[in-house]
Amino acid sequence: MDIPELKGLLKFDGKIVNKNQSVNVVKLAVEPVWNIKKLAERLILSEDELRTSIYKWTTNHEILDKRNEIYLPPIGNTSIYYFGDLDAIHNPNKPL
């Protein structure tokens, strides 16, 4: 993938950054279902911090209700471009 905003800022490593400054990424489609408590733990945030951050961008008051352990936000689909070791997502012993 070519990301013009990053041209000249990245160092060639042969794994993620290519000689031509393009990057190797994995594109992930994310279904809008979040387990708030587990996601907060993985991101090293308090549940309140994560709920407040999500609320800031969705403005849906349901996210602030802690009775909603798993939350299905009406914010559409999301794509993530992941750089690095994809196994790190599932392995709590590897840093993201």
Foldseek 3Di string as FASTA:
>chain_A
DDDPVCPPVDDDDPQAAHPRRHGDWDKDKDQQKDQQCVVCVLVVHHSQVSLVVVCVVQVDCVSNDVVCRIDRGPPDIDMDTGTDDPCCVVDSVDDD
